[in-house]
Amino acid sequence: MKIEAKNLNVSFGESHILKNINMKIPKNSVTALIGPSGCGKSTFIRSINRMNDLIPSFQHDGEILLDGVDVYDSKIDVVNLRKQVGMVFQKPNPFPKSIFENVAYGLRIHGEVDEEYIEKTVEESLKSAAIWDEVKDKLNNSAMGLSGGQQQRLCIARTIAVSPRVILMDEPCSALDPISTLKIEDLIHRLKDEYTIVMVTHNMQQATRVSEFTSFFLNGEIIESNRTDQLFVNPKEKKTEEYITGRFG
């Protein structure tokens, strides 16, 4: 398993957000996390690269193993962890820099100074993110001038430029139009050959289109995890069936 959560509990102050999460995420796959708002999906993926550490009231117990190593081990370099486990957010968040420098940014902050290597990596990353043909003649233009869908693919290029092992996606298409959404979904299909992808989505049709595995979260617990086709066609739990058929609540 690429990622494994063992008895993971997460609290913010008095609020117990994740409760005894046990989950296995296979290498080179897309795993979708579904469930109503506020059920712990985003908190879970932010636990994988320790973004929750930035919140003062955060507490946890249990383990999250990445390639067999607990990410909460005291020896873990958190900066390097976040390089290995990249994050793509709900709303595209390009930097107010050129298209080129957006992708080069991670390389530079991790100490890369070889401009030839940076230039080659930027081009390869933009190609991998399926946006190179749209931006190759305007790399020095501001990234802020791109459309929302282009900005999101640029952010994916920025993430993969530093060679992560895992890509976390927190509703990456929720702010995009249908055409841009399809481009991102096509991109996710291609990226799974090289990366392990964990994606939060409220769009259940999207989960069926892009993921091989799905976990249903409810009130901070995992109700059911299974292969996506089995979970949606033949759910084992009544709460899962009610949620995916719209009879929830």
C-alpha atoms as a PDB file:
ATOM      1  CA  MET A   1       0.000   0.000   0.000  1.00  0.00           C
ATOM      2  CA  LYS A   2       1.191   3.514  -0.801  1.00  0.00           C
ATOM      3  CA  ILE A   3      -0.730   5.084   2.083  1.00  0.00           C
ATOM      4  CA  GLU A   4      -2.278   3.423   5.118  1.00  0.00           C
ATOM      5  CA  ALA A   5      -4.173   5.094   7.964  1.00  0.00           C
ATOM      6  CA  LYS A   6      -4.285   3.144  11.210  1.00  0.00           C
ATOM      7  CA  ASN A   7      -6.693   4.153  13.983  1.00  0.00           C
ATOM      8  CA  LEU A   8      -6.333   7.819  13.021  1.00  0.00           C
ATOM      9  CA  ASN A   9      -8.110  10.333  15.245  1.00  0.00           C
ATOM     10  CA  VAL A  10      -8.001  14.079  14.627  1.00  0.00           C
ATOM     11  CA  SER A  11      -9.367  16.821  16.874  1.00  0.00           C
ATOM     12  CA  PHE A  12      -9.356  20.594  16.764  1.00  0.00           C
ATOM     13  CA  GLY A  13      -9.750  21.689  20.356  1.00  0.00           C
ATOM     14  CA  GLU A  14     -12.908  20.027  21.675  1.00  0.00           C
ATOM     15  CA  SER A  15     -14.120  18.980  18.201  1.00  0.00           C
ATOM     16  CA  HIS A  16     -13.394  15.341  17.362  1.00  0.00           C
ATOM     17  CA  ILE A  17     -13.277  15.463  13.532  1.00  0.00           C
ATOM     18  CA  LEU A  18     -11.874  12.069  12.468  1.00  0.00           C
ATOM     19  CA  LYS A  19     -12.715   8.959  14.461  1.00  0.00           C
ATOM     20  CA  ASN A  20     -10.652   5.776  14.229  1.00  0.00           C
ATOM     21  CA  ILE A  21      -9.952   6.018  10.504  1.00  0.00           C
ATOM     22  CA  ASN A  22      -8.513   2.836   8.990  1.00  0.00           C
ATOM     23  CA  MET A  23      -7.876   2.999   5.272  1.00  0.00           C
ATOM     24  CA  LYS A  24      -5.514   1.602   2.636  1.00  0.00           C
ATOM     25  CA  ILE A  25      -4.710   3.493  -0.564  1.00  0.00           C
ATOM     26  CA  PRO A  26      -2.972   1.490  -3.329  1.00  0.00           C
ATOM     27  CA  LYS A  27      -0.045   2.826  -5.336  1.00  0.00           C
ATOM     28  CA  ASN A  28      -0.728   4.350  -8.793  1.00  0.00           C
ATOM     29  CA  SER A  29      -4.457   4.556  -8.304  1.00  0.00           C
ATOM     30  CA  VAL A  30      -7.137   7.210  -7.897  1.00  0.00           C
ATOM     31  CA  THR A  31      -9.068   7.035  -4.630  1.00  0.00           C
ATOM     32  CA  ALA A  32     -12.136   9.256  -4.271  1.00  0.00           C
ATOM     33  CA  LEU A  33     -13.440  10.443  -0.912  1.00  0.00           C
ATOM     34  CA  ILE A  34     -17.159  11.195  -0.913  1.00  0.00           C
ATOM     35  CA  GLY A  35     -19.611  12.314   1.765  1.00  0.00           C
ATOM     36  CA  PRO A  36     -21.541  15.391   2.886  1.00  0.00           C
ATOM     37  CA  SER A  37     -19.835  18.671   3.753  1.00  0.00           C
ATOM     38  CA  GLY A  38     -18.099  18.724   7.115  1.00  0.00           C
ATOM     39  CA  CYS A  39     -17.711  14.946   7.384  1.00  0.00           C
ATOM     40  CA  GLY A  40     -13.895  14.954   7.576  1.00  0.00           C
ATOM     41  CA  LYS A  41     -12.785  14.319   3.970  1.00  0.00           C
ATOM     42  CA  SER A  42     -10.576  17.398   3.637  1.00  0.00           C
ATOM     43  CA  THR A  43      -9.251  16.983   7.172  1.00  0.00           C
ATOM     44  CA  PHE A  44      -8.169  13.465   6.239  1.00  0.00           C
ATOM     45  CA  ILE A  45      -6.195  14.417   3.133  1.00  0.00           C
ATOM     46  CA  ARG A  46      -4.632  17.361   4.989  1.00  0.00           C
ATOM     47  CA  SER A  47      -3.442  14.859   7.572  1.00  0.00           C
ATOM     48  CA  ILE A  48      -1.468  12.992   4.914  1.00  0.00           C
ATOM     49  CA  ASN A  49       0.891  15.916   4.276  1.00  0.00           C
ATOM     50  CA  ARG A  50       0.462  17.403   7.756  1.00  0.00           C
ATOM     51  CA  MET A  51      -1.191  20.635   6.667  1.00  0.00           C
ATOM     52  CA  ASN A  52      -3.388  20.388   9.757  1.00  0.00           C
ATOM     53  CA  ASP A  53      -0.236  21.036  11.823  1.00  0.00           C
ATOM     54  CA  LEU A  54      -0.618  24.696  10.841  1.00  0.00           C
ATOM     55  CA  ILE A  55      -3.800  24.967  12.967  1.00  0.00           C
ATOM     56  CA  PRO A  56      -2.844  25.633  16.633  1.00  0.00           C
ATOM     57  CA  SER A  57      -5.653  23.511  18.150  1.00  0.00           C
ATOM     58  CA  PHE A  58      -4.810  20.422  16.049  1.00  0.00           C
ATOM     59  CA  GLN A  59      -4.321  17.118  17.896  1.00  0.00           C
ATOM     60  CA  HIS A  60      -4.027  13.587  16.571  1.00  0.00           C
ATOM     61  CA  ASP A  61      -3.306  10.017  17.492  1.00  0.00           C
ATOM     62  CA  GLY A  62      -2.877   6.931  15.349  1.00  0.00           C
ATOM     63  CA  GLU A  63      -0.705   6.618  12.274  1.00  0.00           C
ATOM     64  CA  ILE A  64      -0.579   7.544   8.608  1.00  0.00           C
ATOM     65  CA  LEU A  65       2.011   5.443   6.805  1.00  0.00           C
ATOM     66  CA  LEU A  66       3.537   6.625   3.519  1.00  0.00           C
ATOM     67  CA  ASP A  67       5.515   3.773   1.980  1.00  0.00           C
ATOM     68  CA  GLY A  68       5.550   2.194   5.439  1.00  0.00           C
ATOM     69  CA  VAL A  69       6.853   5.257   7.311  1.00  0.00           C
ATOM     70  CA  ASP A  70       4.608   7.171   9.738  1.00  0.00           C
ATOM     71  CA  VAL A  71       4.365  10.769   8.505  1.00  0.00           C
ATOM     72  CA  TYR A  72       3.987  11.867  12.146  1.00  0.00           C
ATOM     73  CA  ASP A  73       7.293  10.289  13.177  1.00  0.00           C
ATOM     74  CA  SER A  74       9.447  12.855  14.996  1.00  0.00           C
ATOM     75  CA  LYS A  75      12.250  12.306  12.464  1.00  0.00           C
ATOM     76  CA  ILE A  76      10.101  13.350   9.491  1.00  0.00           C
ATOM     77  CA  ASP A  77      11.152  16.549   7.679  1.00  0.00           C
ATOM     78  CA  VAL A  78       7.758  18.197   7.144  1.00  0.00           C
ATOM     79  CA  VAL A  79       9.008  20.451   4.327  1.00  0.00           C
ATOM     80  CA  ASN A  80      10.270  17.414   2.426  1.00  0.00           C
ATOM     81  CA  LEU A  81       7.039  15.543   3.208  1.00  0.00           C
ATOM     82  CA  ARG A  82       5.009  18.291   1.541  1.00  0.00           C
ATOM     83  CA  LYS A  83       7.295  18.029  -1.482  1.00  0.00           C
ATOM     84  CA  GLN A  84       6.584  14.286  -1.625  1.00  0.00           C
ATOM     85  CA  VAL A  85       2.842  14.746  -1.027  1.00  0.00           C
ATOM     86  CA  GLY A  86       1.590  17.622  -3.177  1.00  0.00           C
ATOM     87  CA  MET A  87      -1.763  19.360  -2.803  1.00  0.00           C
ATOM     88  CA  VAL A  88      -4.118  20.804  -5.413  1.00  0.00           C
ATOM     89  CA  PHE A  89      -6.794  22.991  -3.855  1.00  0.00           C
ATOM     90  CA  GLN A  90     -10.467  23.589  -4.583  1.00  0.00           C
ATOM     91  CA  LYS A  91      -9.856  27.041  -6.044  1.00  0.00           C
ATOM     92  CA  PRO A  92      -6.896  27.492  -8.393  1.00  0.00           C
ATOM     93  CA  ASN A  93      -4.192  29.410  -6.544  1.00  0.00           C
ATOM     94  CA  PRO A  94      -1.502  30.513  -8.998  1.00  0.00           C
ATOM     95  CA  PHE A  95       1.128  32.909  -7.679  1.00  0.00           C
ATOM     96  CA  PRO A  96       1.176  36.468  -9.062  1.00  0.00           C
ATOM     97  CA  LYS A  97       4.166  35.538 -11.198  1.00  0.00           C
ATOM     98  CA  SER A  98       4.750  34.456 -14.784  1.00  0.00           C
ATOM     99  CA  ILE A  99       3.489  31.092 -15.996  1.00  0.00           C
ATOM    100  CA  PHE A 100       7.098  29.860 -16.122  1.00  0.00           C
ATOM    101  CA  GLU A 101       7.966  31.037 -12.611  1.00  0.00           C
ATOM    102  CA  ASN A 102       4.823  29.474 -11.152  1.00  0.00           C
ATOM    103  CA  VAL A 103       6.056  26.042 -12.198  1.00  0.00           C
ATOM    104  CA  ALA A 104       9.711  26.792 -11.392  1.00  0.00           C
ATOM    105  CA  TYR A 105       8.849  28.073  -7.903  1.00  0.00           C
ATOM    106  CA  GLY A 106       8.989  24.747  -6.075  1.00  0.00           C
ATOM    107  CA  LEU A 107      12.269  23.818  -7.715  1.00  0.00           C
ATOM    108  CA  ARG A 108      13.829  27.113  -6.686  1.00  0.00           C
ATOM    109  CA  ILE A 109      12.694  27.002  -3.050  1.00  0.00           C
ATOM    110  CA  HIS A 110      14.107  23.486  -2.769  1.00  0.00           C
ATOM    111  CA  GLY A 111      17.492  24.819  -3.851  1.00  0.00           C
ATOM    112  CA  GLU A 112      17.653  24.030  -7.566  1.00  0.00           C
ATOM    113  CA  VAL A 113      19.932  26.510  -9.378  1.00  0.00           C
ATOM    114  CA  ASP A 114      20.593  24.741 -12.691  1.00  0.00           C
ATOM    115  CA  GLU A 115      18.580  26.931 -15.091  1.00  0.00           C
ATOM    116  CA  GLU A 116      18.789  24.372 -17.900  1.00  0.00           C
ATOM    117  CA  TYR A 117      17.311  21.709 -15.609  1.00  0.00           C
ATOM    118  CA  ILE A 118      14.625  24.123 -14.395  1.00  0.00           C
ATOM    119  CA  GLU A 119      13.664  25.038 -17.964  1.00  0.00           C
ATOM    120  CA  LYS A 120      13.451  21.375 -18.989  1.00  0.00           C
ATOM    121  CA  THR A 121      11.409  20.444 -15.899  1.00  0.00           C
ATOM    122  CA  VAL A 122       8.980  23.331 -16.397  1.00  0.00           C
ATOM    123  CA  GLU A 123       8.335  22.226 -19.979  1.00  0.00           C
ATOM    124  CA  GLU A 124       7.910  18.564 -18.992  1.00  0.00           C
ATOM    125  CA  SER A 125       5.560  19.492 -16.133  1.00  0.00           C
ATOM    126  CA  LEU A 126       3.397  21.705 -18.342  1.00  0.00           C
ATOM    127  CA  LYS A 127       3.222  18.903 -20.909  1.00  0.00           C
ATOM    128  CA  SER A 128       2.295  16.373 -18.208  1.00  0.00           C
ATOM    129  CA  ALA A 129      -0.449  18.733 -17.025  1.00  0.00           C
ATOM    130  CA  ALA A 130      -1.820  19.000 -20.584  1.00  0.00           C
ATOM    131  CA  ILE A 131      -1.412  22.746 -20.813  1.00  0.00           C
ATOM    132  CA  TRP A 132       1.903  23.180 -22.677  1.00  0.00           C
ATOM    133  CA  ASP A 133       0.336  23.738 -26.106  1.00  0.00           C
ATOM    134  CA  GLU A 134      -1.855  26.514 -24.684  1.00  0.00           C
ATOM    135  CA  VAL A 135       0.924  28.436 -22.913  1.00  0.00           C
ATOM    136  CA  LYS A 136       4.240  27.609 -24.643  1.00  0.00           C
ATOM    137  CA  ASP A 137       4.289  30.957 -26.489  1.00  0.00           C
ATOM    138  CA  LYS A 138       3.437  33.057 -23.419  1.00  0.00           C
ATOM    139  CA  LEU A 139       5.507  31.585 -20.598  1.00  0.00           C
ATOM    140  CA  ASN A 140       6.539  35.075 -19.458  1.00  0.00           C
ATOM    141  CA  ASN A 141       2.924  36.272 -19.192  1.00  0.00           C
ATOM    142  CA  SER A 142       1.237  36.497 -15.809  1.00  0.00           C
ATOM    143  CA  ALA A 143      -0.459  33.304 -14.678  1.00  0.00           C
ATOM    144  CA  MET A 144      -3.310  35.470 -13.421  1.00  0.00           C
ATOM    145  CA  GLY A 145      -4.415  36.020 -17.037  1.00  0.00           C
ATOM    146  CA  LEU A 146      -5.241  32.338 -17.586  1.00  0.00           C
ATOM    147  CA  SER A 147      -8.776  30.954 -17.383  1.00  0.00           C
ATOM    148  CA  GLY A 148      -9.851  29.085 -14.251  1.00  0.00           C
ATOM    149  CA  GLY A 149      -9.380  25.696 -15.872  1.00  0.00           C
ATOM    150  CA  GLN A 150      -5.949  26.659 -17.211  1.00  0.00           C
ATOM    151  CA  GLN A 151      -4.958  27.985 -13.783  1.00  0.00           C
ATOM    152  CA  GLN A 152      -5.909  24.672 -12.178  1.00  0.00           C
ATOM    153  CA  ARG A 153      -3.840  22.709 -14.697  1.00  0.00           C
ATOM    154  CA  LEU A 154      -0.973  25.139 -14.075  1.00  0.00           C
ATOM    155  CA  CYS A 155      -1.258  24.424 -10.341  1.00  0.00           C
ATOM    156  CA  ILE A 156      -1.100  20.702 -11.118  1.00  0.00           C
ATOM    157  CA  ALA A 157       2.033  21.339 -13.219  1.00  0.00           C
ATOM    158  CA  ARG A 158       3.534  23.265 -10.284  1.00  0.00           C
ATOM    159  CA  THR A 159       2.774  20.316  -8.002  1.00  0.00           C
ATOM    160  CA  ILE A 160       4.332  17.658 -10.225  1.00  0.00           C
ATOM    161  CA  ALA A 161       7.441  19.744 -11.034  1.00  0.00           C
ATOM    162  CA  VAL A 162       9.001  18.737  -7.694  1.00  0.00           C
ATOM    163  CA  SER A 163       8.424  15.003  -8.368  1.00  0.00           C
ATOM    164  CA  PRO A 164       5.943  14.095  -5.621  1.00  0.00           C
ATOM    165  CA  ARG A 165       4.969  10.523  -4.832  1.00  0.00           C
ATOM    166  CA  VAL A 166       1.363  11.427  -4.001  1.00  0.00           C
ATOM    167  CA  ILE A 167      -1.017  14.131  -5.261  1.00  0.00           C
ATOM    168  CA  LEU A 168      -3.886  15.194  -3.004  1.00  0.00           C
ATOM    169  CA  MET A 169      -6.804  16.979  -4.674  1.00  0.00           C
ATOM    170  CA  ASP A 170      -9.422  18.814  -2.628  1.00  0.00           C
ATOM    171  CA  GLU A 171     -12.435  19.194  -4.957  1.00  0.00           C
ATOM    172  CA  PRO A 172     -10.192  20.278  -7.859  1.00  0.00           C
ATOM    173  CA  CYS A 173     -13.085  20.844 -10.267  1.00  0.00           C
ATOM    174  CA  SER A 174     -15.711  22.481  -8.059  1.00  0.00           C
ATOM    175  CA  ALA A 175     -14.909  26.005  -9.317  1.00  0.00           C
ATOM    176  CA  LEU A 176     -14.654  24.986 -12.987  1.00  0.00           C
ATOM    177  CA  ASP A 177     -17.025  24.827 -15.957  1.00  0.00           C
ATOM    178  CA  PRO A 178     -17.940  21.418 -17.466  1.00  0.00           C
ATOM    179  CA  ILE A 179     -15.377  21.584 -20.299  1.00  0.00           C
ATOM    180  CA  SER A 180     -12.533  22.462 -17.918  1.00  0.00           C
ATOM    181  CA  THR A 181     -13.737  19.739 -15.557  1.00  0.00           C
ATOM    182  CA  LEU A 182     -13.449  17.123 -18.308  1.00  0.00           C
ATOM    183  CA  LYS A 183      -9.910  18.280 -19.092  1.00  0.00           C
ATOM    184  CA  ILE A 184      -8.923  17.885 -15.435  1.00  0.00           C
ATOM    185  CA  GLU A 185     -10.569  14.452 -15.288  1.00  0.00           C
ATOM    186  CA  ASP A 186      -8.703  13.334 -18.428  1.00  0.00           C
ATOM    187  CA  LEU A 187      -5.505  14.608 -16.835  1.00  0.00           C
ATOM    188  CA  ILE A 188      -6.163  12.644 -13.622  1.00  0.00           C
ATOM    189  CA  HIS A 189      -6.551   9.464 -15.690  1.00  0.00           C
ATOM    190  CA  ARG A 190      -3.121  10.019 -17.238  1.00  0.00           C
ATOM    191  CA  LEU A 191      -1.364  11.048 -14.028  1.00  0.00           C
ATOM    192  CA  LYS A 192      -2.254   7.902 -12.095  1.00  0.00           C
ATOM    193  CA  ASP A 193       0.330   5.958 -14.097  1.00  0.00           C
ATOM    194  CA  GLU A 194       3.019   7.963 -12.313  1.00  0.00           C
ATOM    195  CA  TYR A 195       1.381   9.146  -9.089  1.00  0.00           C
ATOM    196  CA  THR A 196      -0.954   7.977  -6.357  1.00  0.00           C
ATOM    197  CA  ILE A 197      -3.938  10.344  -6.306  1.00  0.00           C
ATOM    198  CA  VAL A 198      -6.396  10.935  -3.463  1.00  0.00           C
ATOM    199  CA  MET A 199      -9.302  13.192  -4.414  1.00  0.00           C
ATOM    200  CA  VAL A 200     -12.116  14.744  -2.400  1.00  0.00           C
ATOM    201  CA  THR A 201     -15.226  15.235  -4.519  1.00  0.00           C
ATOM    202  CA  HIS A 202     -18.882  16.079  -3.928  1.00  0.00           C
ATOM    203  CA  ASN A 203     -19.674  14.968  -7.473  1.00  0.00           C
ATOM    204  CA  MET A 204     -20.506  11.281  -7.344  1.00  0.00           C
ATOM    205  CA  GLN A 205     -20.591  10.989 -11.130  1.00  0.00           C
ATOM    206  CA  GLN A 206     -17.045  12.311 -11.127  1.00  0.00           C
ATOM    207  CA  ALA A 207     -16.008   9.693  -8.573  1.00  0.00           C
ATOM    208  CA  THR A 208     -17.348   6.959 -10.868  1.00  0.00           C
ATOM    209  CA  ARG A 209     -15.569   8.459 -13.888  1.00  0.00           C
ATOM    210  CA  VAL A 210     -12.077   8.933 -12.471  1.00  0.00           C
ATOM    211  CA  SER A 211     -11.500   6.690  -9.459  1.00  0.00           C
ATOM    212  CA  GLU A 212     -10.845   2.998  -8.971  1.00  0.00           C
ATOM    213  CA  PHE A 213     -11.517   3.117  -5.233  1.00  0.00           C
ATOM    214  CA  THR A 214     -14.000   5.135  -3.177  1.00  0.00           C
ATOM    215  CA  SER A 215     -14.431   5.738   0.550  1.00  0.00           C
ATOM    216  CA  PHE A 216     -17.656   7.157   1.967  1.00  0.00           C
ATOM    217  CA  PHE A 217     -17.136   9.447   4.971  1.00  0.00           C
ATOM    218  CA  LEU A 218     -19.923  10.390   7.378  1.00  0.00           C
ATOM    219  CA  ASN A 219     -19.607  12.284  10.671  1.00  0.00           C
ATOM    220  CA  GLY A 220     -15.862  11.722  10.833  1.00  0.00           C
ATOM    221  CA  GLU A 221     -16.021   7.988  10.197  1.00  0.00           C
ATOM    222  CA  ILE A 222     -15.522   5.812   7.140  1.00  0.00           C
ATOM    223  CA  ILE A 223     -18.798   4.026   6.552  1.00  0.00           C
ATOM    224  CA  GLU A 224     -17.607   1.993   3.597  1.00  0.00           C
ATOM    225  CA  SER A 225     -14.566   1.605   1.317  1.00  0.00           C
ATOM    226  CA  ASN A 226     -14.505  -0.496  -1.808  1.00  0.00           C
ATOM    227  CA  ARG A 227     -13.704  -0.551  -5.493  1.00  0.00           C
ATOM    228  CA  THR A 228     -15.679   2.311  -7.008  1.00  0.00           C
ATOM    229  CA  ASP A 229     -17.772   0.154  -9.345  1.00  0.00           C
ATOM    230  CA  GLN A 230     -18.768  -2.152  -6.477  1.00  0.00           C
ATOM    231  CA  LEU A 231     -19.492   0.628  -3.990  1.00  0.00           C
ATOM    232  CA  PHE A 232     -21.821   2.479  -6.368  1.00  0.00           C
ATOM    233  CA  VAL A 233     -23.524  -0.579  -7.876  1.00  0.00           C
ATOM    234  CA  ASN A 234     -23.745  -2.799  -4.817  1.00  0.00           C
ATOM    235  CA  PRO A 235     -23.096  -0.875  -1.577  1.00  0.00           C
ATOM    236  CA  LYS A 236     -22.866  -3.026   1.518  1.00  0.00           C
ATOM    237  CA  GLU A 237     -24.006  -0.378   4.003  1.00  0.00           C
ATOM    238  CA  LYS A 238     -27.503   1.126   4.124  1.00  0.00           C
ATOM    239  CA  LYS A 239     -26.128   4.628   4.793  1.00  0.00           C
ATOM    240  CA  THR A 240     -23.949   4.379   1.678  1.00  0.00           C
ATOM    241  CA  GLU A 241     -26.908   3.336  -0.439  1.00  0.00           C
ATOM    242  CA  GLU A 242     -29.019   6.208   0.924  1.00  0.00           C
ATOM    243  CA  TYR A 243     -26.275   8.731   0.199  1.00  0.00           C
ATOM    244  CA  ILE A 244     -25.494   7.660  -3.369  1.00  0.00           C
ATOM    245  CA  THR A 245     -29.185   7.384  -4.299  1.00  0.00           C
ATOM    246  CA  GLY A 246     -30.009  10.822  -2.901  1.00  0.00           C
ATOM    247  CA  ARG A 247     -32.227   9.520  -0.095  1.00  0.00           C
ATOM    248  CA  PHE A 248     -29.818  10.647   2.584  1.00  0.00           C
ATOM    249  CA  GLY A 249     -30.986  12.654   5.600  1.00  0.00           C
END
